[in-house]
Amino acid sequence: MRSNGTVGKRLLNVREAAQYLGLEVDTVYKKSRLRELPSVKVGRALRFDLKALERFVEQHTVETID
């Protein structure tokens, strides 16, 4: 994750969110549009809060059976 020197980046653009989640950009747009993925509109730009994405991943993690 890039840093501006002291504080890590909190809002990701679509490309960065897709990379973080391991998804295609089109899939991130679709999941956001369907409200399956938390997103934030900043003007006309679509952004993704890193902490919300972390919670999303935690909530959708499937535990393996040993």
PDB file of N, CA and C in Angstrom:
ATOM      1  N   MET A   1       0.845  -1.172   0.000  1.00  0.00           N
ATOM      2  CA  MET A   1       0.000   0.000   0.000  1.00  0.00           C
ATOM      3  C   MET A   1       0.888   1.231   0.000  1.00  0.00           C
ATOM      4  N   ARG A   2       0.562   2.173  -0.812  1.00  0.00           N
ATOM      5  CA  ARG A   2       1.321   3.426  -0.859  1.00  0.00           C
ATOM      6  C   ARG A   2       1.094   4.249   0.395  1.00  0.00           C
ATOM      7  N   SER A   3       2.028   5.102   0.694  1.00  0.00           N
ATOM      8  CA  SER A   3       1.913   5.971   1.856  1.00  0.00           C
ATOM      9  C   SER A   3       2.370   7.365   1.471  1.00  0.00           C
ATOM     10  N   ASN A   4       1.746   8.376   2.054  1.00  0.00           N
ATOM     11  CA  ASN A   4       2.149   9.747   1.759  1.00  0.00           C
ATOM     12  C   ASN A   4       3.254  10.202   2.705  1.00  0.00           C
ATOM     13  N   GLY A   5       3.906   9.280   3.359  1.00  0.00           N
ATOM     14  CA  GLY A   5       5.002   9.611   4.249  1.00  0.00           C
ATOM     15  C   GLY A   5       4.692   9.300   5.700  1.00  0.00           C
ATOM     16  N   THR A   6       3.481   9.637   6.143  1.00  0.00           N
ATOM     17  CA  THR A   6       3.152   9.391   7.548  1.00  0.00           C
ATOM     18  C   THR A   6       1.876   8.587   7.727  1.00  0.00           C
ATOM     19  N   VAL A   7       0.927   8.769   6.851  1.00  0.00           N
ATOM     20  CA  VAL A   7      -0.366   8.113   7.007  1.00  0.00           C
ATOM     21  C   VAL A   7      -0.645   7.248   5.788  1.00  0.00           C
ATOM     22  N   GLY A   8      -1.064   5.997   6.003  1.00  0.00           N
ATOM     23  CA  GLY A   8      -1.405   5.114   4.897  1.00  0.00           C
ATOM     24  C   GLY A   8      -2.670   5.578   4.201  1.00  0.00           C
ATOM     25  N   LYS A   9      -2.834   5.164   2.964  1.00  0.00           N
ATOM     26  CA  LYS A   9      -4.004   5.537   2.164  1.00  0.00           C
ATOM     27  C   LYS A   9      -5.230   4.787   2.676  1.00  0.00           C
ATOM     28  N   ARG A  10      -6.329   5.493   2.881  1.00  0.00           N
ATOM     29  CA  ARG A  10      -7.536   4.863   3.407  1.00  0.00           C
ATOM     30  C   ARG A  10      -8.578   4.597   2.325  1.00  0.00           C
ATOM     31  N   LEU A  11      -8.750   5.511   1.362  1.00  0.00           N
ATOM     32  CA  LEU A  11      -9.720   5.317   0.288  1.00  0.00           C
ATOM     33  C   LEU A  11      -9.003   4.830  -0.959  1.00  0.00           C
ATOM     34  N   LEU A  12      -9.466   3.701  -1.475  1.00  0.00           N
ATOM     35  CA  LEU A  12      -8.872   3.108  -2.667  1.00  0.00           C
ATOM     36  C   LEU A  12      -9.744   3.396  -3.873  1.00  0.00           C
ATOM     37  N   ASN A  13      -9.124   3.538  -5.041  1.00  0.00           N
ATOM     38  CA  ASN A  13      -9.908   3.646  -6.266  1.00  0.00           C
ATOM     39  C   ASN A  13     -10.307   2.239  -6.708  1.00  0.00           C
ATOM     40  N   VAL A  14     -11.056   2.141  -7.786  1.00  0.00           N
ATOM     41  CA  VAL A  14     -11.592   0.852  -8.222  1.00  0.00           C
ATOM     42  C   VAL A  14     -10.468  -0.128  -8.560  1.00  0.00           C
ATOM     43  N   ARG A  15      -9.457   0.337  -9.257  1.00  0.00           N
ATOM     44  CA  ARG A  15      -8.347  -0.538  -9.639  1.00  0.00           C
ATOM     45  C   ARG A  15      -7.625  -1.082  -8.410  1.00  0.00           C
ATOM     46  N   GLU A  16      -7.387  -0.208  -7.437  1.00  0.00           N
ATOM     47  CA  GLU A  16      -6.705  -0.628  -6.209  1.00  0.00           C
ATOM     48  C   GLU A  16      -7.566  -1.597  -5.397  1.00  0.00           C
ATOM     49  N   ALA A  17      -8.873  -1.335  -5.331  1.00  0.00           N
ATOM     50  CA  ALA A  17      -9.781  -2.230  -4.612  1.00  0.00           C
ATOM     51  C   ALA A  17      -9.826  -3.600  -5.280  1.00  0.00           C
ATOM     52  N   ALA A  18      -9.858  -3.607  -6.607  1.00  0.00           N
ATOM     53  CA  ALA A  18      -9.864  -4.871  -7.343  1.00  0.00           C
ATOM     54  C   ALA A  18      -8.591  -5.659  -7.053  1.00  0.00           C
ATOM     55  N   GLN A  19      -7.472  -4.983  -7.061  1.00  0.00           N
ATOM     56  CA  GLN A  19      -6.199  -5.642  -6.778  1.00  0.00           C
ATOM     57  C   GLN A  19      -6.192  -6.180  -5.341  1.00  0.00           C
ATOM     58  N   TYR A  20      -6.655  -5.401  -4.397  1.00  0.00           N
ATOM     59  CA  TYR A  20      -6.697  -5.811  -2.996  1.00  0.00           C
ATOM     60  C   TYR A  20      -7.555  -7.063  -2.819  1.00  0.00           C
ATOM     61  N   LEU A  21      -8.702  -7.108  -3.517  1.00  0.00           N
ATOM     62  CA  LEU A  21      -9.639  -8.219  -3.377  1.00  0.00           C
ATOM     63  C   LEU A  21      -9.332  -9.390  -4.297  1.00  0.00           C
ATOM     64  N   GLY A  22      -8.441  -9.194  -5.256  1.00  0.00           N
ATOM     65  CA  GLY A  22      -8.140 -10.250  -6.216  1.00  0.00           C
ATOM     66  C   GLY A  22      -9.254 -10.448  -7.226  1.00  0.00           C
ATOM     67  N   LEU A  23      -9.942  -9.358  -7.569  1.00  0.00           N
ATOM     68  CA  LEU A  23     -11.056  -9.401  -8.515  1.00  0.00           C
ATOM     69  C   LEU A  23     -10.742  -8.552  -9.735  1.00  0.00           C
ATOM     70  N   GLU A  24     -11.523  -8.743 -10.788  1.00  0.00           N
ATOM     71  CA  GLU A  24     -11.430  -7.896 -11.970  1.00  0.00           C
ATOM     72  C   GLU A  24     -12.115  -6.561 -11.670  1.00  0.00           C
ATOM     73  N   VAL A  25     -11.663  -5.514 -12.329  1.00  0.00           N
ATOM     74  CA  VAL A  25     -12.247  -4.179 -12.142  1.00  0.00           C
ATOM     75  C   VAL A  25     -13.745  -4.204 -12.439  1.00  0.00           C
ATOM     76  N   ASP A  26     -14.149  -4.871 -13.520  1.00  0.00           N
ATOM     77  CA  ASP A  26     -15.575  -4.943 -13.870  1.00  0.00           C
ATOM     78  C   ASP A  26     -16.392  -5.599 -12.757  1.00  0.00           C
ATOM     79  N   THR A  27     -15.821  -6.609 -12.113  1.00  0.00           N
ATOM     80  CA  THR A  27     -16.512  -7.294 -11.021  1.00  0.00           C
ATOM     81  C   THR A  27     -16.701  -6.363  -9.831  1.00  0.00           C
ATOM     82  N   VAL A  28     -15.701  -5.544  -9.532  1.00  0.00           N
ATOM     83  CA  VAL A  28     -15.805  -4.590  -8.425  1.00  0.00           C
ATOM     84  C   VAL A  28     -16.905  -3.572  -8.724  1.00  0.00           C
ATOM     85  N   TYR A  29     -16.943  -3.051  -9.954  1.00  0.00           N
ATOM     86  CA  TYR A  29     -18.018  -2.121 -10.333  1.00  0.00           C
ATOM     87  C   TYR A  29     -19.385  -2.783 -10.153  1.00  0.00           C
ATOM     88  N   LYS A  30     -19.516  -4.019 -10.630  1.00  0.00           N
ATOM     89  CA  LYS A  30     -20.793  -4.724 -10.562  1.00  0.00           C
ATOM     90  C   LYS A  30     -21.212  -4.958  -9.112  1.00  0.00           C
ATOM     91  N   LYS A  31     -20.301  -5.448  -8.276  1.00  0.00           N
ATOM     92  CA  LYS A  31     -20.626  -5.710  -6.877  1.00  0.00           C
ATOM     93  C   LYS A  31     -20.977  -4.418  -6.134  1.00  0.00           C
ATOM     94  N   SER A  32     -20.333  -3.328  -6.496  1.00  0.00           N
ATOM     95  CA  SER A  32     -20.658  -2.038  -5.888  1.00  0.00           C
ATOM     96  C   SER A  32     -22.053  -1.592  -6.315  1.00  0.00           C
ATOM     97  N   ARG A  33     -22.337  -1.713  -7.607  1.00  0.00           N
ATOM     98  CA  ARG A  33     -23.643  -1.306  -8.132  1.00  0.00           C
ATOM     99  C   ARG A  33     -24.770  -2.121  -7.495  1.00  0.00           C
ATOM    100  N   LEU A  34     -24.518  -3.422  -7.257  1.00  0.00           N
ATOM    101  CA  LEU A  34     -25.514  -4.295  -6.642  1.00  0.00           C
ATOM    102  C   LEU A  34     -25.521  -4.191  -5.114  1.00  0.00           C
ATOM    103  N   ARG A  35     -24.689  -3.305  -4.584  1.00  0.00           N
ATOM    104  CA  ARG A  35     -24.548  -3.086  -3.140  1.00  0.00           C
ATOM    105  C   ARG A  35     -24.079  -4.336  -2.406  1.00  0.00           C
ATOM    106  N   GLU A  36     -23.296  -5.165  -3.096  1.00  0.00           N
ATOM    107  CA  GLU A  36     -22.689  -6.335  -2.471  1.00  0.00           C
ATOM    108  C   GLU A  36     -21.330  -5.986  -1.875  1.00  0.00           C
ATOM    109  N   LEU A  37     -20.784  -4.848  -2.262  1.00  0.00           N
ATOM    110  CA  LEU A  37     -19.468  -4.404  -1.823  1.00  0.00           C
ATOM    111  C   LEU A  37     -19.594  -2.961  -1.347  1.00  0.00           C
ATOM    112  N   PRO A  38     -19.144  -2.657  -0.131  1.00  0.00           N
ATOM    113  CA  PRO A  38     -19.278  -1.284   0.379  1.00  0.00           C
ATOM    114  C   PRO A  38     -18.421  -0.303  -0.409  1.00  0.00           C
ATOM    115  N   SER A  39     -19.030   0.814  -0.803  1.00  0.00           N
ATOM    116  CA  SER A  39     -18.295   1.822  -1.569  1.00  0.00           C
ATOM    117  C   SER A  39     -18.744   3.217  -1.155  1.00  0.00           C
ATOM    118  N   VAL A  40     -17.957   4.207  -1.568  1.00  0.00           N
ATOM    119  CA  VAL A  40     -18.208   5.604  -1.231  1.00  0.00           C
ATOM    120  C   VAL A  40     -18.144   6.413  -2.518  1.00  0.00           C
ATOM    121  N   LYS A  41     -19.124   7.286  -2.734  1.00  0.00           N
ATOM    122  CA  LYS A  41     -19.060   8.203  -3.872  1.00  0.00           C
ATOM    123  C   LYS A  41     -18.433   9.503  -3.393  1.00  0.00           C
ATOM    124  N   VAL A  42     -17.360   9.900  -4.050  1.00  0.00           N
ATOM    125  CA  VAL A  42     -16.699  11.173  -3.764  1.00  0.00           C
ATOM    126  C   VAL A  42     -16.818  11.986  -5.043  1.00  0.00           C
ATOM    127  N   GLY A  43     -17.823  12.867  -5.076  1.00  0.00           N
ATOM    128  CA  GLY A  43     -18.131  13.547  -6.329  1.00  0.00           C
ATOM    129  C   GLY A  43     -18.609  12.499  -7.322  1.00  0.00           C
ATOM    130  N   ARG A  44     -17.944  12.418  -8.474  1.00  0.00           N
ATOM    131  CA  ARG A  44     -18.284  11.401  -9.473  1.00  0.00           C
ATOM    132  C   ARG A  44     -17.430  10.152  -9.329  1.00  0.00           C
ATOM    133  N   ALA A  45     -16.451  10.207  -8.438  1.00  0.00           N
ATOM    134  CA  ALA A  45     -15.508   9.096  -8.283  1.00  0.00           C
ATOM    135  C   ALA A  45     -16.036   8.056  -7.298  1.00  0.00           C
ATOM    136  N   LEU A  46     -15.793   6.801  -7.615  1.00  0.00           N
ATOM    137  CA  LEU A  46     -16.155   5.692  -6.744  1.00  0.00           C
ATOM    138  C   LEU A  46     -14.913   5.292  -5.958  1.00  0.00           C
ATOM    139  N   ARG A  47     -15.035   5.255  -4.646  1.00  0.00           N
ATOM    140  CA  ARG A  47     -13.908   4.910  -3.785  1.00  0.00           C
ATOM    141  C   ARG A  47     -14.328   3.817  -2.810  1.00  0.00           C
ATOM    142  N   PHE A  48     -13.326   3.130  -2.276  1.00  0.00           N
ATOM    143  CA  PHE A  48     -13.558   2.022  -1.364  1.00  0.00           C
ATOM    144  C   PHE A  48     -12.730   2.228  -0.107  1.00  0.00           C
ATOM    145  N   ASP A  49     -13.410   2.247   1.029  1.00  0.00           N
ATOM    146  CA  ASP A  49     -12.744   2.422   2.310  1.00  0.00           C
ATOM    147  C   ASP A  49     -11.999   1.130   2.647  1.00  0.00           C
ATOM    148  N   LEU A  50     -10.716   1.235   2.905  1.00  0.00           N
ATOM    149  CA  LEU A  50      -9.886   0.062   3.166  1.00  0.00           C
ATOM    150  C   LEU A  50     -10.396  -0.725   4.365  1.00  0.00           C
ATOM    151  N   LYS A  51     -10.788  -0.050   5.414  1.00  0.00           N
ATOM    152  CA  LYS A  51     -11.290  -0.752   6.605  1.00  0.00           C
ATOM    153  C   LYS A  51     -12.598  -1.493   6.302  1.00  0.00           C
ATOM    154  N   ALA A  52     -13.455  -0.911   5.471  1.00  0.00           N
ATOM    155  CA  ALA A  52     -14.700  -1.577   5.082  1.00  0.00           C
ATOM    156  C   ALA A  52     -14.400  -2.803   4.229  1.00  0.00           C
ATOM    157  N   LEU A  53     -13.388  -2.713   3.361  1.00  0.00           N
ATOM    158  CA  LEU A  53     -13.003  -3.872   2.555  1.00  0.00           C
ATOM    159  C   LEU A  53     -12.425  -4.976   3.438  1.00  0.00           C
ATOM    160  N   GLU A  54     -11.654  -4.596   4.441  1.00  0.00           N
ATOM    161  CA  GLU A  54     -11.104  -5.586   5.370  1.00  0.00           C
ATOM    162  C   GLU A  54     -12.233  -6.313   6.098  1.00  0.00           C
ATOM    163  N   ARG A  55     -13.257  -5.568   6.548  1.00  0.00           N
ATOM    164  CA  ARG A  55     -14.418  -6.183   7.206  1.00  0.00           C
ATOM    165  C   ARG A  55     -15.163  -7.096   6.234  1.00  0.00           C
ATOM    166  N   PHE A  56     -15.310  -6.647   4.979  1.00  0.00           N
ATOM    167  CA  PHE A  56     -15.980  -7.443   3.954  1.00  0.00           C
ATOM    168  C   PHE A  56     -15.274  -8.787   3.787  1.00  0.00           C
ATOM    169  N   VAL A  57     -13.954  -8.757   3.698  1.00  0.00           N
ATOM    170  CA  VAL A  57     -13.175  -9.990   3.535  1.00  0.00           C
ATOM    171  C   VAL A  57     -13.357 -10.886   4.760  1.00  0.00           C
ATOM    172  N   GLU A  58     -13.288 -10.320   5.960  1.00  0.00           N
ATOM    173  CA  GLU A  58     -13.468 -11.106   7.187  1.00  0.00           C
ATOM    174  C   GLU A  58     -14.840 -11.767   7.224  1.00  0.00           C
ATOM    175  N   GLN A  59     -15.872 -11.032   6.837  1.00  0.00           N
ATOM    176  CA  GLN A  59     -17.242 -11.549   6.883  1.00  0.00           C
ATOM    177  C   GLN A  59     -17.490 -12.619   5.828  1.00  0.00           C
ATOM    178  N   HIS A  60     -16.712 -12.607   4.750  1.00  0.00           N
ATOM    179  CA  HIS A  60     -16.926 -13.557   3.667  1.00  0.00           C
ATOM    180  C   HIS A  60     -15.855 -14.640   3.605  1.00  0.00           C
ATOM    181  N   THR A  61     -15.073 -14.740   4.658  1.00  0.00           N
ATOM    182  CA  THR A  61     -14.044 -15.775   4.713  1.00  0.00           C
ATOM    183  C   THR A  61     -14.681 -17.083   5.162  1.00  0.00           C
ATOM    184  N   VAL A  62     -14.389 -18.142   4.427  1.00  0.00           N
ATOM    185  CA  VAL A  62     -14.896 -19.470   4.754  1.00  0.00           C
ATOM    186  C   VAL A  62     -13.754 -20.254   5.383  1.00  0.00           C
ATOM    187  N   GLU A  63     -13.987 -20.743   6.585  1.00  0.00           N
ATOM    188  CA  GLU A  63     -12.970 -21.517   7.294  1.00  0.00           C
ATOM    189  C   GLU A  63     -12.833 -22.893   6.649  1.00  0.00           C
ATOM    190  N   THR A  64     -11.614 -23.402   6.650  1.00  0.00           N
ATOM    191  CA  THR A  64     -11.379 -24.743   6.118  1.00  0.00           C
ATOM    192  C   THR A  64     -11.580 -25.775   7.219  1.00  0.00           C
ATOM    193  N   ILE A  65     -11.887 -26.977   6.811  1.00  0.00           N
ATOM    194  CA  ILE A  65     -12.062 -28.084   7.752  1.00  0.00           C
ATOM    195  C   ILE A  65     -10.815 -28.944   7.682  1.00  0.00           C
ATOM    196  N   ASP A  66     -10.238 -29.211   8.846  1.00  0.00           N
ATOM    197  CA  ASP A  66      -9.026 -30.049   8.889  1.00  0.00           C
ATOM    198  C   ASP A  66      -9.355 -31.503   8.733  1.00  0.00           C
TER     199      ASP A  66
END
